[in-house]
């Protein structure tokens, strides 16, 4: 309570409402505030979770800019589908604002990649279609099989500092590839580590069948591990 009181009176004292707004958002809470106008103007809506149909918020085909934290994926089809064009837009960010390109201003659904519990928690998201479309299998623990996405994974995102090993067989068998994150966005002391992969794993499409925490495979994608293994170009 004291901390909130000091922050409130500090904002009043310096008469800087915009600065206080930035200070309030400079944490690891995942969110996106979407605006109908460029440069964070116009009607807006604050999102913290998955939105399969933006028309329910009167935001369908109308998002032109946003401010947020996390990896938010905007799709031009409802229910994260690849229809009508298969286009998607994603901007990894930590307390940043951005404008969407014209082609991205036709968004019909929205979801984030990563853990629902913490911004940079170790996590993986596996997607049914290319470019992170379609059904999703996600988690932060070993999975001996992928349920409905068995032999149906075409793209993936990994977040956090742990490696994950993806296998071509169920129960952690077959060809395996170890994946580390290879990119980071930061703001102050808030960090988001991630890797976005579509076709660089060296595995055939629709071949991932299980996943385990840690670097357990001979092939490595992403950042160099402490003890490097053979790398994928």
C-alpha atoms as a PDB file:
ATOM      1  CA  UNK A   1       0.000   0.000   0.000  1.00  0.00           C
ATOM      2  CA  UNK A   2       2.830   2.425   0.817  1.00  0.00           C
ATOM      3  CA  UNK A   3       4.486   1.767  -2.530  1.00  0.00           C
ATOM      4  CA  UNK A   4       1.281   2.533  -4.436  1.00  0.00           C
ATOM      5  CA  UNK A   5       0.722   5.687  -2.359  1.00  0.00           C
ATOM      6  CA  UNK A   6       4.234   6.988  -3.047  1.00  0.00           C
ATOM      7  CA  UNK A   7       3.893   6.251  -6.763  1.00  0.00           C
ATOM      8  CA  UNK A   8       0.550   8.067  -6.928  1.00  0.00           C
ATOM      9  CA  UNK A   9       1.726  11.227  -5.156  1.00  0.00           C
ATOM     10  CA  UNK A  10       4.973  11.152  -7.128  1.00  0.00           C
ATOM     11  CA  UNK A  11       2.967  11.315 -10.347  1.00  0.00           C
ATOM     12  CA  UNK A  12       0.845  14.199  -9.060  1.00  0.00           C
ATOM     13  CA  UNK A  13       3.897  16.094  -7.870  1.00  0.00           C
ATOM     14  CA  UNK A  14       5.700  16.040 -11.205  1.00  0.00           C
ATOM     15  CA  UNK A  15       2.511  16.566 -13.275  1.00  0.00           C
ATOM     16  CA  UNK A  16       3.502  13.919 -15.806  1.00  0.00           C
ATOM     17  CA  UNK A  17       0.570  11.614 -16.397  1.00  0.00           C
ATOM     18  CA  UNK A  18       2.118  10.070 -19.490  1.00  0.00           C
ATOM     19  CA  UNK A  19       5.316   9.245 -17.635  1.00  0.00           C
ATOM     20  CA  UNK A  20       3.322   7.637 -14.839  1.00  0.00           C
ATOM     21  CA  UNK A  21       1.486   5.522 -17.383  1.00  0.00           C
ATOM     22  CA  UNK A  22       4.801   4.219 -18.748  1.00  0.00           C
ATOM     23  CA  UNK A  23       6.101   3.589 -15.235  1.00  0.00           C
ATOM     24  CA  UNK A  24       2.959   1.607 -14.397  1.00  0.00           C
ATOM     25  CA  UNK A  25       3.423  -0.600 -17.447  1.00  0.00           C
ATOM     26  CA  UNK A  26       7.159  -1.222 -17.160  1.00  0.00           C
ATOM     27  CA  UNK A  27       6.822  -4.695 -15.714  1.00  0.00           C
ATOM     28  CA  UNK A  28       6.593  -8.248 -17.003  1.00  0.00           C
ATOM     29  CA  UNK A  29       2.803  -8.325 -17.311  1.00  0.00           C
ATOM     30  CA  UNK A  30       1.813  -9.550 -20.761  1.00  0.00           C
ATOM     31  CA  UNK A  31      -0.727  -7.286 -22.467  1.00  0.00           C
ATOM     32  CA  UNK A  32      -1.532  -5.503 -25.684  1.00  0.00           C
ATOM     33  CA  UNK A  33      -3.570  -2.347 -26.117  1.00  0.00           C
ATOM     34  CA  UNK A  34      -4.744  -2.110 -29.727  1.00  0.00           C
ATOM     35  CA  UNK A  35      -5.742   1.170 -31.386  1.00  0.00           C
ATOM     36  CA  UNK A  36      -7.773   1.936 -34.479  1.00  0.00           C
ATOM     37  CA  UNK A  37      -5.486   4.841 -35.409  1.00  0.00           C
ATOM     38  CA  UNK A  38      -1.766   5.106 -36.013  1.00  0.00           C
ATOM     39  CA  UNK A  39       0.592   6.201 -33.236  1.00  0.00           C
ATOM     40  CA  UNK A  40      -1.649   4.883 -30.448  1.00  0.00           C
ATOM     41  CA  UNK A  41      -4.654   7.029 -31.321  1.00  0.00           C
ATOM     42  CA  UNK A  42      -8.346   6.409 -31.849  1.00  0.00           C
ATOM     43  CA  UNK A  43     -10.599   3.853 -30.229  1.00  0.00           C
ATOM     44  CA  UNK A  44      -8.704   1.201 -28.318  1.00  0.00           C
ATOM     45  CA  UNK A  45      -9.136  -2.085 -26.484  1.00  0.00           C
ATOM     46  CA  UNK A  46      -6.938  -3.710 -23.835  1.00  0.00           C
ATOM     47  CA  UNK A  47      -6.248  -7.449 -24.286  1.00  0.00           C
ATOM     48  CA  UNK A  48      -4.592  -9.922 -21.933  1.00  0.00           C
ATOM     49  CA  UNK A  49      -5.704 -13.237 -23.444  1.00  0.00           C
ATOM     50  CA  UNK A  50      -6.651 -15.098 -26.602  1.00  0.00           C
ATOM     51  CA  UNK A  51      -9.249 -13.494 -28.886  1.00  0.00           C
ATOM     52  CA  UNK A  52     -10.561 -15.835 -31.616  1.00  0.00           C
ATOM     53  CA  UNK A  53     -12.940 -13.205 -33.027  1.00  0.00           C
ATOM     54  CA  UNK A  54     -12.034  -9.515 -32.814  1.00  0.00           C
ATOM     55  CA  UNK A  55     -15.456  -8.496 -34.119  1.00  0.00           C
ATOM     56  CA  UNK A  56     -16.821  -9.220 -30.640  1.00  0.00           C
ATOM     57  CA  UNK A  57     -14.868  -6.168 -29.458  1.00  0.00           C
ATOM     58  CA  UNK A  58     -15.645  -4.136 -32.608  1.00  0.00           C
ATOM     59  CA  UNK A  59     -11.947  -4.351 -33.505  1.00  0.00           C
ATOM     60  CA  UNK A  60     -12.117  -6.581 -36.583  1.00  0.00           C
ATOM     61  CA  UNK A  61     -10.090  -5.244 -39.544  1.00  0.00           C
ATOM     62  CA  UNK A  62      -9.424  -2.033 -37.636  1.00  0.00           C
ATOM     63  CA  UNK A  63      -6.223  -2.354 -35.569  1.00  0.00           C
ATOM     64  CA  UNK A  64      -3.611   0.109 -36.866  1.00  0.00           C
ATOM     65  CA  UNK A  65      -1.220   0.398 -33.913  1.00  0.00           C
ATOM     66  CA  UNK A  66      -0.578  -1.085 -30.494  1.00  0.00           C
ATOM     67  CA  UNK A  67       1.377  -0.881 -27.255  1.00  0.00           C
ATOM     68  CA  UNK A  68       2.283  -4.009 -25.365  1.00  0.00           C
ATOM     69  CA  UNK A  69       4.513  -6.601 -23.806  1.00  0.00           C
ATOM     70  CA  UNK A  70       5.009 -10.131 -25.099  1.00  0.00           C
ATOM     71  CA  UNK A  71       4.787 -11.902 -28.434  1.00  0.00           C
ATOM     72  CA  UNK A  72       1.324 -11.151 -29.789  1.00  0.00           C
ATOM     73  CA  UNK A  73       0.268 -12.654 -33.119  1.00  0.00           C
ATOM     74  CA  UNK A  74      -2.396 -10.902 -35.198  1.00  0.00           C
ATOM     75  CA  UNK A  75      -4.122 -13.037 -37.850  1.00  0.00           C
ATOM     76  CA  UNK A  76      -6.208 -11.926 -40.811  1.00  0.00           C
ATOM     77  CA  UNK A  77      -8.579 -14.889 -40.282  1.00  0.00           C
ATOM     78  CA  UNK A  78     -10.866 -15.657 -37.357  1.00  0.00           C
ATOM     79  CA  UNK A  79      -9.931 -18.478 -34.979  1.00  0.00           C
ATOM     80  CA  UNK A  80      -6.238 -18.065 -35.883  1.00  0.00           C
ATOM     81  CA  UNK A  81      -6.903 -19.672 -39.251  1.00  0.00           C
ATOM     82  CA  UNK A  82      -4.942 -19.228 -42.471  1.00  0.00           C
ATOM     83  CA  UNK A  83      -8.011 -17.906 -44.289  1.00  0.00           C
ATOM     84  CA  UNK A  84      -8.438 -15.740 -46.211  1.00  0.00           C
ATOM     85  CA  UNK A  85      -4.788 -15.011 -47.106  1.00  0.00           C
ATOM     86  CA  UNK A  86      -2.727 -16.681 -44.405  1.00  0.00           C
ATOM     87  CA  UNK A  87      -1.167 -13.371 -43.419  1.00  0.00           C
ATOM     88  CA  UNK A  88      -0.042 -12.757 -39.828  1.00  0.00           C
ATOM     89  CA  UNK A  89       1.847 -10.026 -37.982  1.00  0.00           C
ATOM     90  CA  UNK A  90       3.911 -10.336 -34.807  1.00  0.00           C
ATOM     91  CA  UNK A  91       6.008  -7.810 -32.889  1.00  0.00           C
ATOM     92  CA  UNK A  92       7.970  -9.110 -29.856  1.00  0.00           C
ATOM     93  CA  UNK A  93       8.027  -6.248 -27.357  1.00  0.00           C
ATOM     94  CA  UNK A  94       8.555  -5.202 -23.750  1.00  0.00           C
ATOM     95  CA  UNK A  95       6.550  -2.072 -22.926  1.00  0.00           C
ATOM     96  CA  UNK A  96       6.804  -0.727 -26.474  1.00  0.00           C
ATOM     97  CA  UNK A  97       4.437   0.885 -28.985  1.00  0.00           C
ATOM     98  CA  UNK A  98       4.363   0.303 -32.746  1.00  0.00           C
ATOM     99  CA  UNK A  99       2.387   0.914 -35.925  1.00  0.00           C
ATOM    100  CA  UNK A 100       1.192  -1.991 -38.045  1.00  0.00           C
ATOM    101  CA  UNK A 101       1.907  -2.086 -41.767  1.00  0.00           C
ATOM    102  CA  UNK A 102      -1.096  -1.642 -44.044  1.00  0.00           C
ATOM    103  CA  UNK A 103      -1.317  -5.369 -44.733  1.00  0.00           C
ATOM    104  CA  UNK A 104      -1.528  -6.036 -40.985  1.00  0.00           C
ATOM    105  CA  UNK A 105      -4.517  -3.748 -40.472  1.00  0.00           C
ATOM    106  CA  UNK A 106      -6.923  -6.544 -41.407  1.00  0.00           C
ATOM    107  CA  UNK A 107      -6.636  -8.499 -38.180  1.00  0.00           C
ATOM    108  CA  UNK A 108      -9.536 -10.779 -37.224  1.00  0.00           C
ATOM    109  CA  UNK A 109      -8.058 -12.796 -34.331  1.00  0.00           C
ATOM    110  CA  UNK A 110      -5.277 -12.376 -31.794  1.00  0.00           C
ATOM    111  CA  UNK A 111      -3.282 -14.569 -29.418  1.00  0.00           C
ATOM    112  CA  UNK A 112       0.070 -14.604 -27.641  1.00  0.00           C
ATOM    113  CA  UNK A 113       2.945 -17.062 -27.558  1.00  0.00           C
ATOM    114  CA  UNK A 114       4.487 -18.114 -24.265  1.00  0.00           C
ATOM    115  CA  UNK A 115       3.501 -19.035 -20.750  1.00  0.00           C
ATOM    116  CA  UNK A 116       0.264 -17.743 -19.195  1.00  0.00           C
ATOM    117  CA  UNK A 117       2.112 -17.484 -15.878  1.00  0.00           C
ATOM    118  CA  UNK A 118       5.158 -15.328 -16.619  1.00  0.00           C
ATOM    119  CA  UNK A 119       6.548 -13.349 -19.549  1.00  0.00           C
ATOM    120  CA  UNK A 120       9.891 -15.151 -19.819  1.00  0.00           C
ATOM    121  CA  UNK A 121       8.964 -18.487 -18.291  1.00  0.00           C
ATOM    122  CA  UNK A 122      10.370 -21.480 -20.176  1.00  0.00           C
ATOM    123  CA  UNK A 123       7.653 -22.489 -22.636  1.00  0.00           C
ATOM    124  CA  UNK A 124       6.950 -23.843 -26.111  1.00  0.00           C
ATOM    125  CA  UNK A 125       4.089 -23.320 -28.564  1.00  0.00           C
ATOM    126  CA  UNK A 126       3.604 -25.771 -31.430  1.00  0.00           C
ATOM    127  CA  UNK A 127       1.259 -24.862 -34.288  1.00  0.00           C
ATOM    128  CA  UNK A 128      -0.698 -26.921 -36.767  1.00  0.00           C
ATOM    129  CA  UNK A 129       0.032 -24.767 -39.804  1.00  0.00           C
ATOM    130  CA  UNK A 130       2.833 -22.613 -41.164  1.00  0.00           C
ATOM    131  CA  UNK A 131       3.246 -19.124 -39.734  1.00  0.00           C
ATOM    132  CA  UNK A 132       1.715 -20.106 -36.370  1.00  0.00           C
ATOM    133  CA  UNK A 133      -1.809 -20.662 -37.708  1.00  0.00           C
ATOM    134  CA  UNK A 134      -4.356 -23.241 -36.650  1.00  0.00           C
ATOM    135  CA  UNK A 135      -4.557 -25.498 -33.629  1.00  0.00           C
ATOM    136  CA  UNK A 136      -1.922 -25.277 -30.921  1.00  0.00           C
ATOM    137  CA  UNK A 137      -0.106 -27.596 -28.518  1.00  0.00           C
ATOM    138  CA  UNK A 138       1.715 -25.741 -25.747  1.00  0.00           C
ATOM    139  CA  UNK A 139       3.362 -26.362 -22.421  1.00  0.00           C
ATOM    140  CA  UNK A 140       6.279 -26.144 -20.004  1.00  0.00           C
ATOM    141  CA  UNK A 141       6.761 -29.848 -19.288  1.00  0.00           C
ATOM    142  CA  UNK A 142       7.781 -32.979 -21.177  1.00  0.00           C
ATOM    143  CA  UNK A 143       5.169 -34.359 -23.565  1.00  0.00           C
ATOM    144  CA  UNK A 144       5.500 -37.982 -24.700  1.00  0.00           C
ATOM    145  CA  UNK A 145       2.904 -37.308 -27.392  1.00  0.00           C
ATOM    146  CA  UNK A 146       1.231 -34.229 -28.840  1.00  0.00           C
ATOM    147  CA  UNK A 147      -2.399 -35.322 -28.808  1.00  0.00           C
ATOM    148  CA  UNK A 148      -4.333 -33.903 -31.760  1.00  0.00           C
ATOM    149  CA  UNK A 149      -1.145 -32.398 -33.170  1.00  0.00           C
ATOM    150  CA  UNK A 150       0.665 -35.720 -33.500  1.00  0.00           C
ATOM    151  CA  UNK A 151       2.509 -35.536 -36.829  1.00  0.00           C
ATOM    152  CA  UNK A 152       0.752 -32.229 -37.477  1.00  0.00           C
ATOM    153  CA  UNK A 153       3.221 -29.524 -36.361  1.00  0.00           C
ATOM    154  CA  UNK A 154       4.367 -27.035 -39.002  1.00  0.00           C
ATOM    155  CA  UNK A 155       5.751 -24.138 -36.932  1.00  0.00           C
ATOM    156  CA  UNK A 156       6.826 -23.363 -33.380  1.00  0.00           C
ATOM    157  CA  UNK A 157       7.929 -20.697 -30.910  1.00  0.00           C
ATOM    158  CA  UNK A 158      10.149 -21.240 -27.859  1.00  0.00           C
ATOM    159  CA  UNK A 159      10.418 -18.701 -25.024  1.00  0.00           C
ATOM    160  CA  UNK A 160      12.695 -18.503 -21.976  1.00  0.00           C
ATOM    161  CA  UNK A 161      16.214 -19.643 -21.175  1.00  0.00           C
ATOM    162  CA  UNK A 162      15.753 -23.414 -21.180  1.00  0.00           C
ATOM    163  CA  UNK A 163      16.420 -25.554 -24.226  1.00  0.00           C
ATOM    164  CA  UNK A 164      13.762 -27.948 -25.536  1.00  0.00           C
ATOM    165  CA  UNK A 165      14.337 -31.091 -27.564  1.00  0.00           C
ATOM    166  CA  UNK A 166      11.855 -32.059 -30.265  1.00  0.00           C
ATOM    167  CA  UNK A 167      11.593 -35.660 -31.456  1.00  0.00           C
ATOM    168  CA  UNK A 168      10.283 -37.291 -34.611  1.00  0.00           C
ATOM    169  CA  UNK A 169       8.897 -40.200 -32.567  1.00  0.00           C
ATOM    170  CA  UNK A 170       6.564 -40.501 -29.612  1.00  0.00           C
ATOM    171  CA  UNK A 171       8.025 -41.160 -26.162  1.00  0.00           C
ATOM    172  CA  UNK A 172      11.187 -39.150 -26.980  1.00  0.00           C
ATOM    173  CA  UNK A 173      12.413 -41.414 -29.758  1.00  0.00           C
ATOM    174  CA  UNK A 174      13.577 -40.936 -33.325  1.00  0.00           C
ATOM    175  CA  UNK A 175      15.491 -38.007 -34.778  1.00  0.00           C
ATOM    176  CA  UNK A 176      15.871 -35.155 -32.291  1.00  0.00           C
ATOM    177  CA  UNK A 177      16.717 -31.459 -32.472  1.00  0.00           C
ATOM    178  CA  UNK A 178      17.658 -29.286 -29.489  1.00  0.00           C
ATOM    179  CA  UNK A 179      16.289 -25.723 -29.633  1.00  0.00           C
ATOM    180  CA  UNK A 180      17.572 -22.700 -27.713  1.00  0.00           C
ATOM    181  CA  UNK A 181      16.241 -19.166 -27.928  1.00  0.00           C
ATOM    182  CA  UNK A 182      18.318 -16.904 -30.170  1.00  0.00           C
ATOM    183  CA  UNK A 183      16.825 -13.414 -29.767  1.00  0.00           C
ATOM    184  CA  UNK A 184      16.081 -11.074 -26.865  1.00  0.00           C
ATOM    185  CA  UNK A 185      14.066  -7.908 -26.384  1.00  0.00           C
ATOM    186  CA  UNK A 186      14.572  -5.877 -23.212  1.00  0.00           C
ATOM    187  CA  UNK A 187      13.349  -2.759 -21.481  1.00  0.00           C
ATOM    188  CA  UNK A 188      15.030  -1.682 -18.244  1.00  0.00           C
ATOM    189  CA  UNK A 189      15.562  -4.999 -16.414  1.00  0.00           C
ATOM    190  CA  UNK A 190      12.663  -6.826 -18.099  1.00  0.00           C
ATOM    191  CA  UNK A 191      13.785  -9.451 -20.616  1.00  0.00           C
ATOM    192  CA  UNK A 192      12.024 -11.648 -23.171  1.00  0.00           C
ATOM    193  CA  UNK A 193      14.066 -14.445 -24.785  1.00  0.00           C
ATOM    194  CA  UNK A 194      12.607 -16.252 -27.782  1.00  0.00           C
ATOM    195  CA  UNK A 195      13.149 -18.123 -31.021  1.00  0.00           C
ATOM    196  CA  UNK A 196      10.628 -18.212 -33.865  1.00  0.00           C
ATOM    197  CA  UNK A 197      11.087 -21.213 -36.135  1.00  0.00           C
ATOM    198  CA  UNK A 198       9.249 -22.283 -39.261  1.00  0.00           C
ATOM    199  CA  UNK A 199      11.616 -24.296 -41.434  1.00  0.00           C
ATOM    200  CA  UNK A 200      15.076 -24.316 -39.887  1.00  0.00           C
ATOM    201  CA  UNK A 201      14.838 -27.380 -37.644  1.00  0.00           C
ATOM    202  CA  UNK A 202      15.987 -29.767 -40.318  1.00  0.00           C
ATOM    203  CA  UNK A 203      13.000 -32.028 -39.645  1.00  0.00           C
ATOM    204  CA  UNK A 204      10.321 -32.788 -42.250  1.00  0.00           C
ATOM    205  CA  UNK A 205       7.015 -30.970 -41.952  1.00  0.00           C
ATOM    206  CA  UNK A 206       4.504 -32.670 -39.643  1.00  0.00           C
ATOM    207  CA  UNK A 207       7.183 -34.899 -38.093  1.00  0.00           C
ATOM    208  CA  UNK A 208       7.382 -33.657 -34.465  1.00  0.00           C
ATOM    209  CA  UNK A 209       5.754 -36.180 -32.117  1.00  0.00           C
ATOM    210  CA  UNK A 210       7.179 -35.483 -28.628  1.00  0.00           C
ATOM    211  CA  UNK A 211       9.126 -32.841 -26.702  1.00  0.00           C
ATOM    212  CA  UNK A 212      11.405 -32.864 -23.645  1.00  0.00           C
ATOM    213  CA  UNK A 213      12.927 -30.121 -21.549  1.00  0.00           C
ATOM    214  CA  UNK A 214      16.676 -29.613 -21.912  1.00  0.00           C
ATOM    215  CA  UNK A 215      19.166 -30.083 -24.724  1.00  0.00           C
ATOM    216  CA  UNK A 216      19.078 -33.829 -25.303  1.00  0.00           C
ATOM    217  CA  UNK A 217      19.633 -33.969 -29.060  1.00  0.00           C
ATOM    218  CA  UNK A 218      22.795 -33.970 -31.126  1.00  0.00           C
ATOM    219  CA  UNK A 219      21.575 -31.270 -33.517  1.00  0.00           C
ATOM    220  CA  UNK A 220      21.199 -27.755 -32.133  1.00  0.00           C
ATOM    221  CA  UNK A 221      19.171 -24.773 -33.346  1.00  0.00           C
ATOM    222  CA  UNK A 222      19.289 -21.311 -31.799  1.00  0.00           C
ATOM    223  CA  UNK A 223      21.937 -19.810 -29.515  1.00  0.00           C
ATOM    224  CA  UNK A 224      25.205 -21.611 -28.810  1.00  0.00           C
ATOM    225  CA  UNK A 225      24.926 -23.872 -25.733  1.00  0.00           C
ATOM    226  CA  UNK A 226      27.695 -24.026 -23.161  1.00  0.00           C
ATOM    227  CA  UNK A 227      28.957 -27.216 -24.807  1.00  0.00           C
ATOM    228  CA  UNK A 228      28.195 -26.773 -28.513  1.00  0.00           C
ATOM    229  CA  UNK A 229      26.866 -29.642 -30.583  1.00  0.00           C
ATOM    230  CA  UNK A 230      26.556 -29.841 -34.367  1.00  0.00           C
ATOM    231  CA  UNK A 231      24.663 -26.789 -35.589  1.00  0.00           C
ATOM    232  CA  UNK A 232      21.866 -26.326 -38.051  1.00  0.00           C
ATOM    233  CA  UNK A 233      22.376 -23.600 -40.662  1.00  0.00           C
END
